[in-house]
């Protein structure tokens, strides 16, 4: 009997460790996807949008069925800017239901949401958020200088993108629900943590998220985004 109990304990510990690894791997996969999307010259998310983003959600391999309207499901991570312009710890999230729009068919897509203002950030910090229903969402522009040419960005709170079969584009993403995956967050942080507290920077950032911050271009002393900082950098190199 004692041996059986021991085996059950060992087996349970092994299963928890495997689940914890899967949750951490989700962070690494999100970092890889974001890096690949922005590594392609003039085909990624405009840099100025990334620099002014309040939050970013990255969902690798979202599974879809049907055409135009169909079921979809995916897991990923979300992070928001906090005090000092640093990114918060990642909160794992689930995307379910809704529609991608006609340009994306069945299969899998990597989905990225870029949140542009505080209202959009507050919405995504809620326990359940409906994309397109609770905030102004639009297909995001692609290309390094595209943002400056798009007047519609003045009214958008969240920009949505998808990469499918190597093609990356802004897409409509309406009717989907985004909610935190509390079980995976517990595995990453080692205790029960609140989705909103993570994104507001109230929870210490895990070491496992370093690759994600690197992909988001966070420098050791936070990131350089102002013209004054850039000017000082250029001056030092002359």
C-alpha atoms as a PDB file:
ATOM      1  CA  UNK A   1       0.000   0.000   0.000  1.00  0.00           C
ATOM      2  CA  UNK A   2       2.802   2.382   0.936  1.00  0.00           C
ATOM      3  CA  UNK A   3       4.528   1.611  -2.342  1.00  0.00           C
ATOM      4  CA  UNK A   4       1.340   2.413  -4.264  1.00  0.00           C
ATOM      5  CA  UNK A   5       0.995   5.747  -2.437  1.00  0.00           C
ATOM      6  CA  UNK A   6       4.617   6.588  -3.220  1.00  0.00           C
ATOM      7  CA  UNK A   7       4.131   5.737  -6.865  1.00  0.00           C
ATOM      8  CA  UNK A   8       1.030   7.938  -7.013  1.00  0.00           C
ATOM      9  CA  UNK A   9       2.906  10.842  -5.415  1.00  0.00           C
ATOM     10  CA  UNK A  10       5.859  10.477  -7.793  1.00  0.00           C
ATOM     11  CA  UNK A  11       3.527  10.174 -10.769  1.00  0.00           C
ATOM     12  CA  UNK A  12       1.573  13.263  -9.752  1.00  0.00           C
ATOM     13  CA  UNK A  13       4.783  15.256  -9.291  1.00  0.00           C
ATOM     14  CA  UNK A  14       5.962  14.172 -12.737  1.00  0.00           C
ATOM     15  CA  UNK A  15       2.689  15.217 -14.326  1.00  0.00           C
ATOM     16  CA  UNK A  16       2.812  18.629 -12.609  1.00  0.00           C
ATOM     17  CA  UNK A  17       6.400  19.169 -13.783  1.00  0.00           C
ATOM     18  CA  UNK A  18       5.408  18.257 -17.348  1.00  0.00           C
ATOM     19  CA  UNK A  19       2.467  20.671 -17.229  1.00  0.00           C
ATOM     20  CA  UNK A  20       4.706  23.390 -15.801  1.00  0.00           C
ATOM     21  CA  UNK A  21       7.194  22.831 -18.643  1.00  0.00           C
ATOM     22  CA  UNK A  22       4.366  23.103 -21.198  1.00  0.00           C
ATOM     23  CA  UNK A  23       3.251  26.424 -19.710  1.00  0.00           C
ATOM     24  CA  UNK A  24       6.800  27.800 -19.828  1.00  0.00           C
ATOM     25  CA  UNK A  25       7.291  26.494 -23.366  1.00  0.00           C
ATOM     26  CA  UNK A  26       4.249  28.570 -24.352  1.00  0.00           C
ATOM     27  CA  UNK A  27       6.186  31.703 -23.344  1.00  0.00           C
ATOM     28  CA  UNK A  28       9.192  30.625 -25.422  1.00  0.00           C
ATOM     29  CA  UNK A  29       6.977  29.860 -28.417  1.00  0.00           C
ATOM     30  CA  UNK A  30       5.356  33.291 -28.188  1.00  0.00           C
ATOM     31  CA  UNK A  31       8.808  34.900 -28.096  1.00  0.00           C
ATOM     32  CA  UNK A  32       9.911  32.923 -31.149  1.00  0.00           C
ATOM     33  CA  UNK A  33       6.789  33.844 -33.125  1.00  0.00           C
ATOM     34  CA  UNK A  34       7.072  37.552 -32.312  1.00  0.00           C
ATOM     35  CA  UNK A  35      10.766  37.573 -33.204  1.00  0.00           C
ATOM     36  CA  UNK A  36      10.164  35.850 -36.547  1.00  0.00           C
ATOM     37  CA  UNK A  37       7.325  38.199 -37.474  1.00  0.00           C
ATOM     38  CA  UNK A  38       9.430  41.289 -36.875  1.00  0.00           C
ATOM     39  CA  UNK A  39      12.671  39.893 -38.303  1.00  0.00           C
ATOM     40  CA  UNK A  40      11.325  40.193 -41.869  1.00  0.00           C
ATOM     41  CA  UNK A  41      12.310  43.620 -43.191  1.00  0.00           C
ATOM     42  CA  UNK A  42       9.340  45.867 -44.045  1.00  0.00           C
ATOM     43  CA  UNK A  43       6.856  43.046 -43.428  1.00  0.00           C
ATOM     44  CA  UNK A  44       6.390  43.095 -39.681  1.00  0.00           C
ATOM     45  CA  UNK A  45       4.476  45.247 -37.232  1.00  0.00           C
ATOM     46  CA  UNK A  46       5.518  48.925 -37.554  1.00  0.00           C
ATOM     47  CA  UNK A  47       8.187  49.655 -34.964  1.00  0.00           C
ATOM     48  CA  UNK A  48       6.515  52.840 -33.734  1.00  0.00           C
ATOM     49  CA  UNK A  49       3.399  50.823 -32.876  1.00  0.00           C
ATOM     50  CA  UNK A  50       5.434  48.384 -30.803  1.00  0.00           C
ATOM     51  CA  UNK A  51       7.114  51.297 -29.028  1.00  0.00           C
ATOM     52  CA  UNK A  52       3.802  52.943 -28.096  1.00  0.00           C
ATOM     53  CA  UNK A  53       1.927  49.696 -27.340  1.00  0.00           C
ATOM     54  CA  UNK A  54       0.384  49.414 -23.890  1.00  0.00           C
ATOM     55  CA  UNK A  55       0.048  45.629 -24.107  1.00  0.00           C
ATOM     56  CA  UNK A  56       0.839  42.832 -26.558  1.00  0.00           C
ATOM     57  CA  UNK A  57      -0.847  39.422 -26.747  1.00  0.00           C
ATOM     58  CA  UNK A  58       0.842  36.666 -28.777  1.00  0.00           C
ATOM     59  CA  UNK A  59      -0.996  33.417 -29.517  1.00  0.00           C
ATOM     60  CA  UNK A  60       1.015  30.877 -31.556  1.00  0.00           C
ATOM     61  CA  UNK A  61      -0.783  28.231 -33.624  1.00  0.00           C
ATOM     62  CA  UNK A  62      -4.399  29.274 -33.139  1.00  0.00           C
ATOM     63  CA  UNK A  63      -6.459  26.442 -34.622  1.00  0.00           C
ATOM     64  CA  UNK A  64      -9.324  27.327 -36.934  1.00  0.00           C
ATOM     65  CA  UNK A  65     -12.086  25.446 -38.699  1.00  0.00           C
ATOM     66  CA  UNK A  66     -14.355  26.486 -41.526  1.00  0.00           C
ATOM     67  CA  UNK A  67     -14.102  29.547 -43.752  1.00  0.00           C
ATOM     68  CA  UNK A  68     -15.004  33.148 -42.855  1.00  0.00           C
ATOM     69  CA  UNK A  69     -16.880  31.997 -39.743  1.00  0.00           C
ATOM     70  CA  UNK A  70     -15.728  28.977 -37.765  1.00  0.00           C
ATOM     71  CA  UNK A  71     -14.575  27.689 -34.435  1.00  0.00           C
ATOM     72  CA  UNK A  72     -11.121  28.643 -33.267  1.00  0.00           C
ATOM     73  CA  UNK A  73      -9.029  27.964 -30.202  1.00  0.00           C
ATOM     74  CA  UNK A  74      -5.569  28.904 -29.088  1.00  0.00           C
ATOM     75  CA  UNK A  75      -3.336  29.629 -26.119  1.00  0.00           C
ATOM     76  CA  UNK A  76      -0.684  32.270 -25.748  1.00  0.00           C
ATOM     77  CA  UNK A  77       0.652  34.981 -23.474  1.00  0.00           C
ATOM     78  CA  UNK A  78      -0.012  38.632 -22.834  1.00  0.00           C
ATOM     79  CA  UNK A  79       2.215  41.316 -21.293  1.00  0.00           C
ATOM     80  CA  UNK A  80       1.687  45.027 -20.573  1.00  0.00           C
ATOM     81  CA  UNK A  81       3.914  48.008 -19.913  1.00  0.00           C
ATOM     82  CA  UNK A  82       4.313  48.963 -16.268  1.00  0.00           C
ATOM     83  CA  UNK A  83       6.206  51.576 -14.258  1.00  0.00           C
ATOM     84  CA  UNK A  84       9.520  52.464 -15.845  1.00  0.00           C
ATOM     85  CA  UNK A  85       8.299  51.374 -19.292  1.00  0.00           C
ATOM     86  CA  UNK A  86       9.119  47.758 -18.490  1.00  0.00           C
ATOM     87  CA  UNK A  87       7.027  44.820 -19.660  1.00  0.00           C
ATOM     88  CA  UNK A  88       5.061  42.990 -16.996  1.00  0.00           C
ATOM     89  CA  UNK A  89       5.305  39.305 -16.297  1.00  0.00           C
ATOM     90  CA  UNK A  90       3.460  37.237 -18.928  1.00  0.00           C
ATOM     91  CA  UNK A  91      -0.090  36.087 -18.235  1.00  0.00           C
ATOM     92  CA  UNK A  92      -1.230  33.035 -20.180  1.00  0.00           C
ATOM     93  CA  UNK A  93      -4.462  33.569 -22.106  1.00  0.00           C
ATOM     94  CA  UNK A  94      -6.947  31.585 -24.208  1.00  0.00           C
ATOM     95  CA  UNK A  95      -8.605  32.738 -27.435  1.00  0.00           C
ATOM     96  CA  UNK A  96     -11.888  31.044 -28.331  1.00  0.00           C
ATOM     97  CA  UNK A  97     -14.668  31.364 -30.924  1.00  0.00           C
ATOM     98  CA  UNK A  98     -15.302  34.220 -33.341  1.00  0.00           C
ATOM     99  CA  UNK A  99     -14.064  34.863 -36.868  1.00  0.00           C
ATOM    100  CA  UNK A 100     -10.775  35.687 -38.569  1.00  0.00           C
ATOM    101  CA  UNK A 101     -12.285  37.188 -41.717  1.00  0.00           C
ATOM    102  CA  UNK A 102     -12.293  35.885 -45.278  1.00  0.00           C
ATOM    103  CA  UNK A 103      -8.552  36.164 -45.894  1.00  0.00           C
ATOM    104  CA  UNK A 104      -7.708  33.394 -43.453  1.00  0.00           C
ATOM    105  CA  UNK A 105      -9.090  29.887 -43.943  1.00  0.00           C
ATOM    106  CA  UNK A 106      -8.884  26.637 -42.007  1.00  0.00           C
ATOM    107  CA  UNK A 107      -5.647  25.507 -40.402  1.00  0.00           C
ATOM    108  CA  UNK A 108      -3.433  27.320 -37.901  1.00  0.00           C
ATOM    109  CA  UNK A 109      -2.391  30.940 -37.539  1.00  0.00           C
ATOM    110  CA  UNK A 110      -0.129  32.865 -35.211  1.00  0.00           C
ATOM    111  CA  UNK A 111      -2.192  35.744 -33.815  1.00  0.00           C
ATOM    112  CA  UNK A 112      -0.879  39.017 -32.369  1.00  0.00           C
ATOM    113  CA  UNK A 113      -2.927  41.739 -30.674  1.00  0.00           C
ATOM    114  CA  UNK A 114      -1.323  45.162 -30.130  1.00  0.00           C
ATOM    115  CA  UNK A 115      -3.110  47.339 -27.570  1.00  0.00           C
ATOM    116  CA  UNK A 116      -2.666  51.066 -28.203  1.00  0.00           C
ATOM    117  CA  UNK A 117      -4.270  52.839 -25.248  1.00  0.00           C
ATOM    118  CA  UNK A 118      -5.105  52.521 -21.573  1.00  0.00           C
ATOM    119  CA  UNK A 119      -8.794  51.772 -22.174  1.00  0.00           C
ATOM    120  CA  UNK A 120      -7.917  48.816 -24.404  1.00  0.00           C
ATOM    121  CA  UNK A 121      -5.394  47.629 -21.818  1.00  0.00           C
ATOM    122  CA  UNK A 122      -7.983  47.763 -19.034  1.00  0.00           C
ATOM    123  CA  UNK A 123     -10.403  45.739 -21.147  1.00  0.00           C
ATOM    124  CA  UNK A 124      -7.853  42.983 -21.766  1.00  0.00           C
ATOM    125  CA  UNK A 125      -7.107  42.835 -18.053  1.00  0.00           C
ATOM    126  CA  UNK A 126     -10.672  41.748 -17.350  1.00  0.00           C
ATOM    127  CA  UNK A 127     -11.550  38.117 -16.625  1.00  0.00           C
ATOM    128  CA  UNK A 128     -13.186  37.802 -20.055  1.00  0.00           C
ATOM    129  CA  UNK A 129     -12.863  40.092 -23.072  1.00  0.00           C
ATOM    130  CA  UNK A 130     -14.736  39.960 -26.378  1.00  0.00           C
ATOM    131  CA  UNK A 131     -12.544  41.082 -29.280  1.00  0.00           C
ATOM    132  CA  UNK A 132     -14.406  43.662 -31.333  1.00  0.00           C
ATOM    133  CA  UNK A 133     -17.295  43.813 -28.886  1.00  0.00           C
ATOM    134  CA  UNK A 134     -15.702  45.460 -25.855  1.00  0.00           C
ATOM    135  CA  UNK A 135     -13.188  47.711 -27.629  1.00  0.00           C
ATOM    136  CA  UNK A 136     -12.454  49.200 -31.054  1.00  0.00           C
ATOM    137  CA  UNK A 137     -10.404  46.572 -32.920  1.00  0.00           C
ATOM    138  CA  UNK A 138      -9.108  46.833 -36.484  1.00  0.00           C
ATOM    139  CA  UNK A 139      -6.725  45.021 -38.799  1.00  0.00           C
ATOM    140  CA  UNK A 140      -3.258  46.410 -38.182  1.00  0.00           C
ATOM    141  CA  UNK A 141      -0.972  47.931 -40.821  1.00  0.00           C
ATOM    142  CA  UNK A 142       2.138  46.026 -41.916  1.00  0.00           C
ATOM    143  CA  UNK A 143       5.517  47.575 -42.717  1.00  0.00           C
ATOM    144  CA  UNK A 144       7.972  49.762 -40.865  1.00  0.00           C
ATOM    145  CA  UNK A 145       6.390  53.096 -41.934  1.00  0.00           C
ATOM    146  CA  UNK A 146       2.788  51.982 -42.352  1.00  0.00           C
ATOM    147  CA  UNK A 147       1.517  53.417 -39.077  1.00  0.00           C
ATOM    148  CA  UNK A 148       2.162  57.030 -40.033  1.00  0.00           C
ATOM    149  CA  UNK A 149      -0.004  56.624 -43.142  1.00  0.00           C
ATOM    150  CA  UNK A 150      -3.069  55.154 -41.433  1.00  0.00           C
ATOM    151  CA  UNK A 151      -5.500  57.738 -40.043  1.00  0.00           C
ATOM    152  CA  UNK A 152      -7.808  54.988 -38.757  1.00  0.00           C
ATOM    153  CA  UNK A 153      -5.256  54.201 -36.052  1.00  0.00           C
ATOM    154  CA  UNK A 154      -6.436  57.317 -34.262  1.00  0.00           C
ATOM    155  CA  UNK A 155      -9.672  55.544 -33.296  1.00  0.00           C
ATOM    156  CA  UNK A 156      -8.449  51.970 -32.871  1.00  0.00           C
ATOM    157  CA  UNK A 157      -7.755  50.638 -29.389  1.00  0.00           C
ATOM    158  CA  UNK A 158      -6.439  47.248 -30.470  1.00  0.00           C
ATOM    159  CA  UNK A 159      -4.789  46.131 -33.718  1.00  0.00           C
ATOM    160  CA  UNK A 160      -5.032  42.478 -34.786  1.00  0.00           C
ATOM    161  CA  UNK A 161      -2.621  40.485 -36.946  1.00  0.00           C
ATOM    162  CA  UNK A 162      -2.290  36.878 -38.118  1.00  0.00           C
ATOM    163  CA  UNK A 163       0.418  34.826 -39.808  1.00  0.00           C
ATOM    164  CA  UNK A 164      -0.710  31.789 -41.808  1.00  0.00           C
ATOM    165  CA  UNK A 165       1.366  29.678 -44.208  1.00  0.00           C
ATOM    166  CA  UNK A 166       4.170  32.231 -44.018  1.00  0.00           C
ATOM    167  CA  UNK A 167       1.996  35.216 -44.948  1.00  0.00           C
ATOM    168  CA  UNK A 168       1.608  37.967 -42.350  1.00  0.00           C
ATOM    169  CA  UNK A 169      -1.149  40.581 -42.461  1.00  0.00           C
ATOM    170  CA  UNK A 170      -3.551  42.638 -40.422  1.00  0.00           C
ATOM    171  CA  UNK A 171      -6.842  40.770 -40.090  1.00  0.00           C
ATOM    172  CA  UNK A 172     -10.305  41.299 -38.705  1.00  0.00           C
ATOM    173  CA  UNK A 173     -10.778  39.299 -35.523  1.00  0.00           C
ATOM    174  CA  UNK A 174     -14.259  39.878 -34.165  1.00  0.00           C
ATOM    175  CA  UNK A 175     -16.415  37.937 -31.750  1.00  0.00           C
ATOM    176  CA  UNK A 176     -13.540  35.964 -30.200  1.00  0.00           C
ATOM    177  CA  UNK A 177     -13.217  35.849 -26.436  1.00  0.00           C
ATOM    178  CA  UNK A 178      -9.901  36.286 -24.664  1.00  0.00           C
ATOM    179  CA  UNK A 179      -9.611  35.128 -21.060  1.00  0.00           C
ATOM    180  CA  UNK A 180      -6.784  34.251 -18.664  1.00  0.00           C
ATOM    181  CA  UNK A 181      -5.635  30.672 -18.183  1.00  0.00           C
ATOM    182  CA  UNK A 182      -5.356  30.686 -14.393  1.00  0.00           C
ATOM    183  CA  UNK A 183      -4.112  27.089 -14.163  1.00  0.00           C
ATOM    184  CA  UNK A 184      -1.119  27.793 -16.403  1.00  0.00           C
ATOM    185  CA  UNK A 185      -0.358  31.027 -14.544  1.00  0.00           C
ATOM    186  CA  UNK A 186      -0.231  29.039 -11.295  1.00  0.00           C
ATOM    187  CA  UNK A 187       2.269  26.641 -12.884  1.00  0.00           C
ATOM    188  CA  UNK A 188       4.485  29.496 -14.131  1.00  0.00           C
ATOM    189  CA  UNK A 189       4.495  31.541 -10.917  1.00  0.00           C
ATOM    190  CA  UNK A 190       4.312  28.650  -8.443  1.00  0.00           C
ATOM    191  CA  UNK A 191       1.188  29.988  -6.751  1.00  0.00           C
ATOM    192  CA  UNK A 192      -2.261  31.312  -7.574  1.00  0.00           C
ATOM    193  CA  UNK A 193      -1.902  34.792  -9.092  1.00  0.00           C
ATOM    194  CA  UNK A 194      -4.419  37.264 -10.492  1.00  0.00           C
ATOM    195  CA  UNK A 195      -4.354  38.018 -14.239  1.00  0.00           C
ATOM    196  CA  UNK A 196      -4.741  41.765 -13.651  1.00  0.00           C
ATOM    197  CA  UNK A 197      -2.055  41.846 -10.940  1.00  0.00           C
ATOM    198  CA  UNK A 198       0.420  40.178 -13.308  1.00  0.00           C
ATOM    199  CA  UNK A 199      -0.243  42.695 -16.094  1.00  0.00           C
ATOM    200  CA  UNK A 200      -0.066  45.674 -13.732  1.00  0.00           C
ATOM    201  CA  UNK A 201       3.394  44.597 -12.593  1.00  0.00           C
ATOM    202  CA  UNK A 202       2.339  43.559  -9.091  1.00  0.00           C
ATOM    203  CA  UNK A 203       3.770  40.068  -9.565  1.00  0.00           C
ATOM    204  CA  UNK A 204       7.533  39.515  -9.918  1.00  0.00           C
ATOM    205  CA  UNK A 205       8.588  38.689 -13.467  1.00  0.00           C
ATOM    206  CA  UNK A 206       9.706  35.062 -13.961  1.00  0.00           C
ATOM    207  CA  UNK A 207      13.177  34.331 -15.313  1.00  0.00           C
ATOM    208  CA  UNK A 208      11.511  32.077 -17.897  1.00  0.00           C
ATOM    209  CA  UNK A 209      10.193  35.171 -19.729  1.00  0.00           C
ATOM    210  CA  UNK A 210      13.605  36.620 -20.648  1.00  0.00           C
ATOM    211  CA  UNK A 211      13.331  35.495 -24.281  1.00  0.00           C
ATOM    212  CA  UNK A 212       9.947  37.214 -24.554  1.00  0.00           C
ATOM    213  CA  UNK A 213      11.340  40.532 -23.326  1.00  0.00           C
ATOM    214  CA  UNK A 214      14.225  40.214 -25.750  1.00  0.00           C
ATOM    215  CA  UNK A 215      11.794  39.692 -28.638  1.00  0.00           C
ATOM    216  CA  UNK A 216       9.894  42.806 -27.518  1.00  0.00           C
ATOM    217  CA  UNK A 217      13.178  44.745 -27.625  1.00  0.00           C
ATOM    218  CA  UNK A 218      13.372  45.550 -23.935  1.00  0.00           C
ATOM    219  CA  UNK A 219      16.871  46.748 -23.160  1.00  0.00           C
ATOM    220  CA  UNK A 220      18.510  46.240 -19.742  1.00  0.00           C
ATOM    221  CA  UNK A 221      17.607  49.793 -18.657  1.00  0.00           C
ATOM    222  CA  UNK A 222      14.217  49.732 -20.399  1.00  0.00           C
ATOM    223  CA  UNK A 223      13.839  50.550 -24.004  1.00  0.00           C
ATOM    224  CA  UNK A 224      15.018  53.467 -26.101  1.00  0.00           C
ATOM    225  CA  UNK A 225      12.083  55.020 -27.877  1.00  0.00           C
ATOM    226  CA  UNK A 226      12.321  58.802 -27.770  1.00  0.00           C
ATOM    227  CA  UNK A 227      14.023  60.943 -30.393  1.00  0.00           C
ATOM    228  CA  UNK A 228      16.217  62.485 -27.679  1.00  0.00           C
ATOM    229  CA  UNK A 229      17.561  59.063 -26.674  1.00  0.00           C
ATOM    230  CA  UNK A 230      18.141  58.146 -30.314  1.00  0.00           C
ATOM    231  CA  UNK A 231      19.978  61.419 -30.908  1.00  0.00           C
ATOM    232  CA  UNK A 232      22.292  60.744 -27.960  1.00  0.00           C
ATOM    233  CA  UNK A 233      22.956  57.253 -29.279  1.00  0.00           C
ATOM    234  CA  UNK A 234      23.857  58.583 -32.749  1.00  0.00           C
ATOM    235  CA  UNK A 235      26.088  61.291 -31.248  1.00  0.00           C
ATOM    236  CA  UNK A 236      28.084  58.743 -29.264  1.00  0.00           C
ATOM    237  CA  UNK A 237      28.819  56.719 -32.404  1.00  0.00           C
ATOM    238  CA  UNK A 238      30.289  59.694 -34.341  1.00  0.00           C
END
